[in-house]
Amino acid sequence: PGSLTLNDCQKRRPLSKSELSYLVAMLGEPADPNSDYHENHELGMEFDSIPNNSITINKTPVGTESKNRYLNVLPNPHSRVLLPEMGIDPTSTYVNANYIRVTS
């Protein structure tokens, strides 16, 4: 993370927890006590408290590797969206998506 810049964030690639922590630390506490630093710092701390739920490419169906935009952003097998199979192509059921639970 030492070479990470704010410009990297603008390239819209996913950031790891360590990269986010580095950016929060790099920005530092501003001189203005009325700024949003406190809220952003709390957000970073909350993000760091989320358990790592990394899925490896071998947990996705064989042949679907090219259907993922990023190799480190993969759907969880237990809640993966399954599409109807088209023809005899077993990879047609795959989309990089998960169902999510919404609470009100």
C-alpha atoms as a PDB file:
ATOM      1  CA  PRO A   1       0.000   0.000   0.000  1.00  0.00           C
ATOM      2  CA  GLY A   2       2.956   2.398   0.379  1.00  0.00           C
ATOM      3  CA  SER A   3       2.826   3.340  -3.312  1.00  0.00           C
ATOM      4  CA  LEU A   4      -0.973   3.755  -3.403  1.00  0.00           C
ATOM      5  CA  THR A   5      -2.200   7.198  -4.395  1.00  0.00           C
ATOM      6  CA  LEU A   6      -5.572   8.878  -4.475  1.00  0.00           C
ATOM      7  CA  ASN A   7      -5.306   8.657  -8.255  1.00  0.00           C
ATOM      8  CA  ASP A   8      -5.464   4.842  -7.928  1.00  0.00           C
ATOM      9  CA  CYS A   9      -8.898   5.210  -6.361  1.00  0.00           C
ATOM     10  CA  GLN A  10     -10.107   7.149  -9.378  1.00  0.00           C
ATOM     11  CA  LYS A  11      -9.264   4.170 -11.620  1.00  0.00           C
ATOM     12  CA  ARG A  12     -12.213   2.404  -9.985  1.00  0.00           C
ATOM     13  CA  ARG A  13     -10.368  -0.724  -8.985  1.00  0.00           C
ATOM     14  CA  PRO A  14     -11.403  -2.383  -5.728  1.00  0.00           C
ATOM     15  CA  LEU A  15      -9.332  -1.454  -2.694  1.00  0.00           C
ATOM     16  CA  SER A  16      -8.201  -3.967  -0.116  1.00  0.00           C
ATOM     17  CA  LYS A  17      -8.696  -3.320   3.591  1.00  0.00           C
ATOM     18  CA  SER A  18      -5.023  -2.473   3.979  1.00  0.00           C
ATOM     19  CA  GLU A  19      -5.177  -0.015   1.070  1.00  0.00           C
ATOM     20  CA  LEU A  20      -8.235   1.714   2.550  1.00  0.00           C
ATOM     21  CA  SER A  21      -6.542   1.908   5.947  1.00  0.00           C
ATOM     22  CA  TYR A  22      -3.430   3.348   4.301  1.00  0.00           C
ATOM     23  CA  LEU A  23      -5.450   6.017   2.481  1.00  0.00           C
ATOM     24  CA  VAL A  24      -7.278   7.018   5.656  1.00  0.00           C
ATOM     25  CA  ALA A  25      -3.944   7.302   7.490  1.00  0.00           C
ATOM     26  CA  MET A  26      -2.342   9.144   4.550  1.00  0.00           C
ATOM     27  CA  LEU A  27      -5.086  11.758   4.554  1.00  0.00           C
ATOM     28  CA  GLY A  28      -4.418  12.377   8.237  1.00  0.00           C
ATOM     29  CA  GLU A  29      -6.492  14.414  10.613  1.00  0.00           C
ATOM     30  CA  PRO A  30      -7.254  17.826   9.093  1.00  0.00           C
ATOM     31  CA  ALA A  31      -6.658  21.078  10.910  1.00  0.00           C
ATOM     32  CA  ASP A  32     -10.346  21.999  10.678  1.00  0.00           C
ATOM     33  CA  PRO A  33     -12.147  20.414  13.674  1.00  0.00           C
ATOM     34  CA  ASN A  34     -15.500  20.883  11.896  1.00  0.00           C
ATOM     35  CA  SER A  35     -14.509  18.637   8.984  1.00  0.00           C
ATOM     36  CA  ASP A  36     -15.834  15.146   8.216  1.00  0.00           C
ATOM     37  CA  TYR A  37     -12.599  13.450   9.356  1.00  0.00           C
ATOM     38  CA  HIS A  38     -14.201  11.941  12.459  1.00  0.00           C
ATOM     39  CA  GLU A  39     -17.006  10.334  10.426  1.00  0.00           C
ATOM     40  CA  ASN A  40     -14.552   9.093   7.766  1.00  0.00           C
ATOM     41  CA  HIS A  41     -12.225   7.693  10.435  1.00  0.00           C
ATOM     42  CA  GLU A  42     -15.143   5.849  12.047  1.00  0.00           C
ATOM     43  CA  LEU A  43     -16.122   4.491   8.631  1.00  0.00           C
ATOM     44  CA  GLY A  44     -12.590   3.198   8.127  1.00  0.00           C
ATOM     45  CA  MET A  45     -12.607   1.576  11.563  1.00  0.00           C
ATOM     46  CA  GLU A  46     -16.000  -0.014  10.857  1.00  0.00           C
ATOM     47  CA  PHE A  47     -14.701  -1.307   7.510  1.00  0.00           C
ATOM     48  CA  ASP A  48     -11.646  -2.812   9.219  1.00  0.00           C
ATOM     49  CA  SER A  49     -13.905  -4.584  11.723  1.00  0.00           C
ATOM     50  CA  ILE A  50     -15.751  -6.504   8.971  1.00  0.00           C
ATOM     51  CA  PRO A  51     -14.544 -10.123   8.881  1.00  0.00           C
ATOM     52  CA  ASN A  52     -12.619 -11.005   5.739  1.00  0.00           C
ATOM     53  CA  ASN A  53     -14.843 -13.103   3.507  1.00  0.00           C
ATOM     54  CA  SER A  54     -12.536 -13.890   0.641  1.00  0.00           C
ATOM     55  CA  ILE A  55     -13.581 -16.377  -1.985  1.00  0.00           C
ATOM     56  CA  THR A  56     -10.968 -17.953  -4.236  1.00  0.00           C
ATOM     57  CA  ILE A  57     -11.392 -18.538  -7.960  1.00  0.00           C
ATOM     58  CA  ASN A  58     -11.504 -22.318  -7.390  1.00  0.00           C
ATOM     59  CA  LYS A  59     -14.859 -21.834  -5.602  1.00  0.00           C
ATOM     60  CA  THR A  60     -16.478 -20.595  -8.832  1.00  0.00           C
ATOM     61  CA  PRO A  61     -17.696 -22.941 -11.590  1.00  0.00           C
ATOM     62  CA  VAL A  62     -15.025 -24.143 -14.014  1.00  0.00           C
ATOM     63  CA  GLY A  63     -14.864 -22.053 -17.178  1.00  0.00           C
ATOM     64  CA  THR A  64     -16.351 -18.883 -15.682  1.00  0.00           C
ATOM     65  CA  GLU A  65     -13.071 -17.130 -14.874  1.00  0.00           C
ATOM     66  CA  SER A  66     -13.414 -14.733 -17.827  1.00  0.00           C
ATOM     67  CA  LYS A  67     -16.876 -13.657 -16.622  1.00  0.00           C
ATOM     68  CA  ASN A  68     -15.407 -11.885 -13.583  1.00  0.00           C
ATOM     69  CA  ARG A  69     -14.366  -8.263 -13.957  1.00  0.00           C
ATOM     70  CA  TYR A  70     -11.908  -8.566 -11.051  1.00  0.00           C
ATOM     71  CA  LEU A  71     -10.163 -11.731  -9.900  1.00  0.00           C
ATOM     72  CA  ASN A  72     -10.521 -10.753  -6.245  1.00  0.00           C
ATOM     73  CA  VAL A  73     -14.234  -9.828  -6.319  1.00  0.00           C
ATOM     74  CA  LEU A  74     -16.125 -13.100  -6.512  1.00  0.00           C
ATOM     75  CA  PRO A  75     -19.624 -14.236  -5.506  1.00  0.00           C
ATOM     76  CA  ASN A  76     -20.114 -16.278  -2.344  1.00  0.00           C
ATOM     77  CA  PRO A  77     -21.160 -19.810  -3.317  1.00  0.00           C
ATOM     78  CA  HIS A  78     -23.853 -20.019  -0.596  1.00  0.00           C
ATOM     79  CA  SER A  79     -25.867 -17.069  -1.964  1.00  0.00           C
ATOM     80  CA  ARG A  80     -24.755 -16.899  -5.593  1.00  0.00           C
ATOM     81  CA  VAL A  81     -27.384 -15.970  -8.189  1.00  0.00           C
ATOM     82  CA  LEU A  82     -27.971 -18.903 -10.548  1.00  0.00           C
ATOM     83  CA  LEU A  83     -29.272 -18.132 -14.027  1.00  0.00           C
ATOM     84  CA  PRO A  84     -31.291 -20.644 -16.071  1.00  0.00           C
ATOM     85  CA  GLU A  85     -29.011 -22.807 -18.222  1.00  0.00           C
ATOM     86  CA  MET A  86     -29.006 -21.890 -21.898  1.00  0.00           C
ATOM     87  CA  GLY A  87     -28.583 -24.862 -24.211  1.00  0.00           C
ATOM     88  CA  ILE A  88     -25.804 -27.182 -23.128  1.00  0.00           C
ATOM     89  CA  ASP A  89     -23.464 -24.452 -21.859  1.00  0.00           C
ATOM     90  CA  PRO A  90     -22.929 -25.096 -18.124  1.00  0.00           C
ATOM     91  CA  THR A  91     -21.260 -21.676 -17.724  1.00  0.00           C
ATOM     92  CA  SER A  92     -24.458 -19.913 -18.818  1.00  0.00           C
ATOM     93  CA  THR A  93     -25.809 -20.265 -15.257  1.00  0.00           C
ATOM     94  CA  TYR A  94     -23.013 -18.067 -13.909  1.00  0.00           C
ATOM     95  CA  VAL A  95     -23.158 -14.368 -13.165  1.00  0.00           C
ATOM     96  CA  ASN A  96     -20.913 -12.647 -10.642  1.00  0.00           C
ATOM     97  CA  ALA A  97     -23.755 -11.715  -8.285  1.00  0.00           C
ATOM     98  CA  ASN A  98     -25.131 -12.637  -4.875  1.00  0.00           C
ATOM     99  CA  TYR A  99     -28.558 -12.315  -3.353  1.00  0.00           C
ATOM    100  CA  ILE A 100     -28.564  -9.930  -0.427  1.00  0.00           C
ATOM    101  CA  ARG A 101     -30.895  -9.683   2.542  1.00  0.00           C
ATOM    102  CA  VAL A 102     -32.547  -6.314   3.012  1.00  0.00           C
ATOM    103  CA  THR A 103     -33.924  -5.276   6.360  1.00  0.00           C
ATOM    104  CA  SER A 104     -36.024  -2.255   7.060  1.00  0.00           C
END
